[in-house]
């Protein structure tokens, strides 16, 4: 298929594009990311065709799609972590200019503690708390990203706040 059979590959893409999209979307849960990832999967399939050994084409493609989607998800998580760390470092830099090293260390410890406590939240609450309070997203932005109604985001935030009130004390953060 690699020897200039672009038409044959186009037919293959047409036949399997919905399957590949559904596979990567199941992992990524984001329309735009899944569209990009599906295109990347077909590029990997195209370049990997010489290694294909007649072991069930759809299964082989699905394995490539799942592995690629997982890689994309890991990169997203690393990027989010890097952004948080960069924000922390930026805040430290500002703190150094206006205050003592001692205050800087206390602020860093508090940020680490808040981040650790955020990880204790149930996952469905963690996303909305992080999105609203840390990433400063609107209810509408979060609803669009999660493909739910705005009311669902409001409910999740309400429940998350109640969970925090019930499970955390202010002393936990000092």
C-alpha atoms as a PDB file:
ATOM      1  CA  UNK A   1       0.000   0.000   0.000  1.00  0.00           C
ATOM      2  CA  UNK A   2       2.963   2.343   0.583  1.00  0.00           C
ATOM      3  CA  UNK A   3       4.173   2.157  -3.029  1.00  0.00           C
ATOM      4  CA  UNK A   4       2.237   5.249  -4.157  1.00  0.00           C
ATOM      5  CA  UNK A   5      -1.216   3.838  -3.498  1.00  0.00           C
ATOM      6  CA  UNK A   6      -2.540   7.036  -1.994  1.00  0.00           C
ATOM      7  CA  UNK A   7      -6.022   6.333  -3.345  1.00  0.00           C
ATOM      8  CA  UNK A   8      -6.125   2.978  -1.548  1.00  0.00           C
ATOM      9  CA  UNK A   9      -5.037   4.644   1.688  1.00  0.00           C
ATOM     10  CA  UNK A  10      -7.715   7.330   1.277  1.00  0.00           C
ATOM     11  CA  UNK A  11     -10.307   4.575   0.971  1.00  0.00           C
ATOM     12  CA  UNK A  12      -8.924   2.975   4.108  1.00  0.00           C
ATOM     13  CA  UNK A  13      -9.195   6.307   5.973  1.00  0.00           C
ATOM     14  CA  UNK A  14     -12.783   6.743   4.756  1.00  0.00           C
ATOM     15  CA  UNK A  15     -13.708   3.253   5.902  1.00  0.00           C
ATOM     16  CA  UNK A  16     -12.140   3.434   9.376  1.00  0.00           C
ATOM     17  CA  UNK A  17     -12.107   7.121  10.325  1.00  0.00           C
ATOM     18  CA  UNK A  18     -15.226   6.898  12.524  1.00  0.00           C
ATOM     19  CA  UNK A  19     -13.848   3.842  14.345  1.00  0.00           C
ATOM     20  CA  UNK A  20     -10.511   5.552  14.969  1.00  0.00           C
ATOM     21  CA  UNK A  21     -12.216   8.776  16.087  1.00  0.00           C
ATOM     22  CA  UNK A  22     -14.497   6.920  18.526  1.00  0.00           C
ATOM     23  CA  UNK A  23     -11.530   5.040  19.936  1.00  0.00           C
ATOM     24  CA  UNK A  24      -9.418   8.133  20.628  1.00  0.00           C
ATOM     25  CA  UNK A  25     -12.439  10.133  21.821  1.00  0.00           C
ATOM     26  CA  UNK A  26     -13.202   7.426  24.407  1.00  0.00           C
ATOM     27  CA  UNK A  27      -9.780   8.095  25.936  1.00  0.00           C
ATOM     28  CA  UNK A  28      -9.454  11.866  25.434  1.00  0.00           C
ATOM     29  CA  UNK A  29     -13.072  12.987  25.958  1.00  0.00           C
ATOM     30  CA  UNK A  30     -12.478  16.148  23.932  1.00  0.00           C
ATOM     31  CA  UNK A  31     -13.774  16.677  20.386  1.00  0.00           C
ATOM     32  CA  UNK A  32     -10.906  18.846  19.106  1.00  0.00           C
ATOM     33  CA  UNK A  33      -8.176  16.748  20.741  1.00  0.00           C
ATOM     34  CA  UNK A  34      -9.769  13.562  19.376  1.00  0.00           C
ATOM     35  CA  UNK A  35      -9.942  15.000  15.839  1.00  0.00           C
ATOM     36  CA  UNK A  36      -6.252  15.954  15.956  1.00  0.00           C
ATOM     37  CA  UNK A  37      -5.277  12.618  17.505  1.00  0.00           C
ATOM     38  CA  UNK A  38      -7.266  10.660  14.879  1.00  0.00           C
ATOM     39  CA  UNK A  39      -5.335  12.410  12.093  1.00  0.00           C
ATOM     40  CA  UNK A  40      -2.064  11.617  13.857  1.00  0.00           C
ATOM     41  CA  UNK A  41      -3.163   7.979  14.227  1.00  0.00           C
ATOM     42  CA  UNK A  42      -3.689   7.683  10.468  1.00  0.00           C
ATOM     43  CA  UNK A  43      -0.215   9.126   9.883  1.00  0.00           C
ATOM     44  CA  UNK A  44       1.184   6.461  12.246  1.00  0.00           C
ATOM     45  CA  UNK A  45      -0.825   3.765  10.494  1.00  0.00           C
ATOM     46  CA  UNK A  46       0.474   4.935   7.117  1.00  0.00           C
ATOM     47  CA  UNK A  47       4.098   4.893   8.253  1.00  0.00           C
ATOM     48  CA  UNK A  48       3.626   1.571  10.128  1.00  0.00           C
ATOM     49  CA  UNK A  49       2.035  -0.340   7.239  1.00  0.00           C
ATOM     50  CA  UNK A  50       5.302  -2.114   6.345  1.00  0.00           C
ATOM     51  CA  UNK A  51       5.318  -3.660   9.858  1.00  0.00           C
ATOM     52  CA  UNK A  52       1.719  -4.901   9.599  1.00  0.00           C
ATOM     53  CA  UNK A  53       1.677  -8.709   9.740  1.00  0.00           C
ATOM     54  CA  UNK A  54      -1.895  -9.705   8.797  1.00  0.00           C
ATOM     55  CA  UNK A  55      -3.023 -10.106  12.408  1.00  0.00           C
ATOM     56  CA  UNK A  56      -6.433  -8.468  12.028  1.00  0.00           C
ATOM     57  CA  UNK A  57      -6.271  -5.006  10.515  1.00  0.00           C
ATOM     58  CA  UNK A  58      -8.983  -3.344  12.600  1.00  0.00           C
ATOM     59  CA  UNK A  59      -7.483  -4.732  15.836  1.00  0.00           C
ATOM     60  CA  UNK A  60      -4.038  -3.514  14.791  1.00  0.00           C
ATOM     61  CA  UNK A  61      -5.392  -0.029  13.966  1.00  0.00           C
ATOM     62  CA  UNK A  62      -7.335   0.135  17.230  1.00  0.00           C
ATOM     63  CA  UNK A  63      -4.208  -0.734  19.211  1.00  0.00           C
ATOM     64  CA  UNK A  64      -2.316   2.095  17.485  1.00  0.00           C
ATOM     65  CA  UNK A  65      -5.214   4.497  18.170  1.00  0.00           C
ATOM     66  CA  UNK A  66      -5.509   3.566  21.863  1.00  0.00           C
ATOM     67  CA  UNK A  67      -1.758   3.812  22.445  1.00  0.00           C
ATOM     68  CA  UNK A  68      -1.581   7.180  20.710  1.00  0.00           C
ATOM     69  CA  UNK A  69      -4.565   8.545  22.671  1.00  0.00           C
ATOM     70  CA  UNK A  70      -2.964   7.430  25.938  1.00  0.00           C
ATOM     71  CA  UNK A  71       0.275   9.182  24.935  1.00  0.00           C
ATOM     72  CA  UNK A  72      -1.669  12.381  24.163  1.00  0.00           C
ATOM     73  CA  UNK A  73      -3.462  12.169  27.530  1.00  0.00           C
ATOM     74  CA  UNK A  74      -0.123  11.775  29.354  1.00  0.00           C
ATOM     75  CA  UNK A  75       1.320  14.784  27.518  1.00  0.00           C
ATOM     76  CA  UNK A  76      -1.725  16.852  28.525  1.00  0.00           C
ATOM     77  CA  UNK A  77      -1.283  15.880  32.175  1.00  0.00           C
ATOM     78  CA  UNK A  78       2.428  16.770  32.052  1.00  0.00           C
ATOM     79  CA  UNK A  79       1.612  20.102  30.394  1.00  0.00           C
ATOM     80  CA  UNK A  80      -0.950  20.923  33.111  1.00  0.00           C
ATOM     81  CA  UNK A  81       1.587  20.074  35.791  1.00  0.00           C
ATOM     82  CA  UNK A  82       4.234  22.227  34.105  1.00  0.00           C
ATOM     83  CA  UNK A  83       1.797  25.148  33.935  1.00  0.00           C
ATOM     84  CA  UNK A  84       1.001  24.821  37.638  1.00  0.00           C
ATOM     85  CA  UNK A  85       4.708  24.632  38.478  1.00  0.00           C
ATOM     86  CA  UNK A  86       5.438  27.632  36.254  1.00  0.00           C
ATOM     87  CA  UNK A  87       2.684  29.581  37.994  1.00  0.00           C
ATOM     88  CA  UNK A  88       4.133  28.604  41.359  1.00  0.00           C
ATOM     89  CA  UNK A  89       7.627  29.657  40.254  1.00  0.00           C
ATOM     90  CA  UNK A  90       6.276  32.952  38.915  1.00  0.00           C
ATOM     91  CA  UNK A  91       4.500  33.632  42.184  1.00  0.00           C
ATOM     92  CA  UNK A  92       7.701  32.873  44.076  1.00  0.00           C
ATOM     93  CA  UNK A  93       9.636  35.319  41.924  1.00  0.00           C
ATOM     94  CA  UNK A  94       7.155  38.079  42.730  1.00  0.00           C
ATOM     95  CA  UNK A  95       7.272  37.167  46.414  1.00  0.00           C
ATOM     96  CA  UNK A  96      11.044  37.515  46.479  1.00  0.00           C
ATOM     97  CA  UNK A  97      10.850  41.057  45.198  1.00  0.00           C
ATOM     98  CA  UNK A  98       8.314  42.219  47.744  1.00  0.00           C
ATOM     99  CA  UNK A  99       8.984  40.090  50.805  1.00  0.00           C
ATOM    100  CA  UNK A 100      11.372  37.905  52.684  1.00  0.00           C
ATOM    101  CA  UNK A 101      12.572  34.423  51.819  1.00  0.00           C
ATOM    102  CA  UNK A 102      10.602  33.137  54.806  1.00  0.00           C
ATOM    103  CA  UNK A 103       7.278  34.319  53.389  1.00  0.00           C
ATOM    104  CA  UNK A 104       8.208  32.816  50.039  1.00  0.00           C
ATOM    105  CA  UNK A 105       8.770  29.380  51.608  1.00  0.00           C
ATOM    106  CA  UNK A 106       5.479  29.557  53.524  1.00  0.00           C
ATOM    107  CA  UNK A 107       3.583  30.441  50.342  1.00  0.00           C
ATOM    108  CA  UNK A 108       5.214  27.588  48.453  1.00  0.00           C
ATOM    109  CA  UNK A 109       4.306  25.141  51.225  1.00  0.00           C
ATOM    110  CA  UNK A 110       0.706  26.378  51.186  1.00  0.00           C
ATOM    111  CA  UNK A 111       0.487  25.929  47.412  1.00  0.00           C
ATOM    112  CA  UNK A 112       1.863  22.408  47.685  1.00  0.00           C
ATOM    113  CA  UNK A 113      -0.628  21.647  50.443  1.00  0.00           C
ATOM    114  CA  UNK A 114      -3.557  23.009  48.410  1.00  0.00           C
ATOM    115  CA  UNK A 115      -2.435  20.973  45.391  1.00  0.00           C
ATOM    116  CA  UNK A 116      -2.124  17.850  47.558  1.00  0.00           C
ATOM    117  CA  UNK A 117      -5.563  18.470  49.073  1.00  0.00           C
ATOM    118  CA  UNK A 118      -7.058  18.999  45.604  1.00  0.00           C
ATOM    119  CA  UNK A 119      -5.843  15.519  44.701  1.00  0.00           C
ATOM    120  CA  UNK A 120      -7.864  14.163  47.652  1.00  0.00           C
ATOM    121  CA  UNK A 121     -11.089  15.458  46.103  1.00  0.00           C
ATOM    122  CA  UNK A 122     -13.193  12.892  44.255  1.00  0.00           C
ATOM    123  CA  UNK A 123     -12.170  13.111  40.592  1.00  0.00           C
ATOM    124  CA  UNK A 124     -15.506  14.451  39.295  1.00  0.00           C
ATOM    125  CA  UNK A 125     -15.244  17.345  41.801  1.00  0.00           C
ATOM    126  CA  UNK A 126     -11.523  17.931  41.261  1.00  0.00           C
ATOM    127  CA  UNK A 127     -12.034  18.886  37.602  1.00  0.00           C
ATOM    128  CA  UNK A 128     -14.634  21.580  38.325  1.00  0.00           C
ATOM    129  CA  UNK A 129     -12.805  22.988  41.369  1.00  0.00           C
ATOM    130  CA  UNK A 130      -9.541  23.148  39.437  1.00  0.00           C
ATOM    131  CA  UNK A 131     -11.269  24.564  36.359  1.00  0.00           C
ATOM    132  CA  UNK A 132     -13.222  27.257  38.209  1.00  0.00           C
ATOM    133  CA  UNK A 133     -10.834  28.361  40.960  1.00  0.00           C
ATOM    134  CA  UNK A 134      -7.378  27.679  39.542  1.00  0.00           C
ATOM    135  CA  UNK A 135      -7.751  27.772  35.756  1.00  0.00           C
ATOM    136  CA  UNK A 136     -10.421  30.520  36.220  1.00  0.00           C
ATOM    137  CA  UNK A 137     -12.730  29.083  33.575  1.00  0.00           C
ATOM    138  CA  UNK A 138     -16.360  30.102  33.280  1.00  0.00           C
ATOM    139  CA  UNK A 139     -19.213  27.654  33.854  1.00  0.00           C
ATOM    140  CA  UNK A 140     -19.864  27.804  30.098  1.00  0.00           C
ATOM    141  CA  UNK A 141     -16.252  26.982  29.184  1.00  0.00           C
ATOM    142  CA  UNK A 142     -16.247  23.977  31.496  1.00  0.00           C
ATOM    143  CA  UNK A 143     -19.637  22.825  30.219  1.00  0.00           C
ATOM    144  CA  UNK A 144     -18.397  23.020  26.627  1.00  0.00           C
ATOM    145  CA  UNK A 145     -15.208  21.119  27.464  1.00  0.00           C
ATOM    146  CA  UNK A 146     -17.057  18.382  29.333  1.00  0.00           C
ATOM    147  CA  UNK A 147     -19.929  18.372  26.826  1.00  0.00           C
ATOM    148  CA  UNK A 148     -22.562  18.843  29.519  1.00  0.00           C
ATOM    149  CA  UNK A 149     -25.127  21.483  30.412  1.00  0.00           C
ATOM    150  CA  UNK A 150     -24.078  24.564  32.434  1.00  0.00           C
ATOM    151  CA  UNK A 151     -26.507  23.394  35.119  1.00  0.00           C
ATOM    152  CA  UNK A 152     -24.450  20.194  35.481  1.00  0.00           C
ATOM    153  CA  UNK A 153     -21.322  22.279  36.167  1.00  0.00           C
ATOM    154  CA  UNK A 154     -23.232  24.374  38.727  1.00  0.00           C
ATOM    155  CA  UNK A 155     -24.412  21.206  40.453  1.00  0.00           C
ATOM    156  CA  UNK A 156     -20.931  19.668  40.464  1.00  0.00           C
ATOM    157  CA  UNK A 157     -19.433  22.857  41.945  1.00  0.00           C
ATOM    158  CA  UNK A 158     -22.166  23.015  44.588  1.00  0.00           C
ATOM    159  CA  UNK A 159     -21.556  19.384  45.557  1.00  0.00           C
ATOM    160  CA  UNK A 160     -17.773  19.843  45.487  1.00  0.00           C
ATOM    161  CA  UNK A 161     -17.990  22.833  47.839  1.00  0.00           C
ATOM    162  CA  UNK A 162     -20.240  20.852  50.180  1.00  0.00           C
ATOM    163  CA  UNK A 163     -17.818  17.923  50.080  1.00  0.00           C
ATOM    164  CA  UNK A 164     -14.956  20.245  51.010  1.00  0.00           C
ATOM    165  CA  UNK A 165     -16.951  21.848  53.855  1.00  0.00           C
ATOM    166  CA  UNK A 166     -17.802  18.421  55.202  1.00  0.00           C
ATOM    167  CA  UNK A 167     -14.364  16.824  54.835  1.00  0.00           C
ATOM    168  CA  UNK A 168     -11.905  19.662  55.396  1.00  0.00           C
ATOM    169  CA  UNK A 169     -11.314  22.087  58.223  1.00  0.00           C
ATOM    170  CA  UNK A 170      -9.643  25.457  57.816  1.00  0.00           C
ATOM    171  CA  UNK A 171      -6.865  24.244  60.137  1.00  0.00           C
ATOM    172  CA  UNK A 172      -5.984  21.626  57.519  1.00  0.00           C
ATOM    173  CA  UNK A 173      -4.528  24.402  55.379  1.00  0.00           C
ATOM    174  CA  UNK A 174      -2.397  26.193  57.926  1.00  0.00           C
END
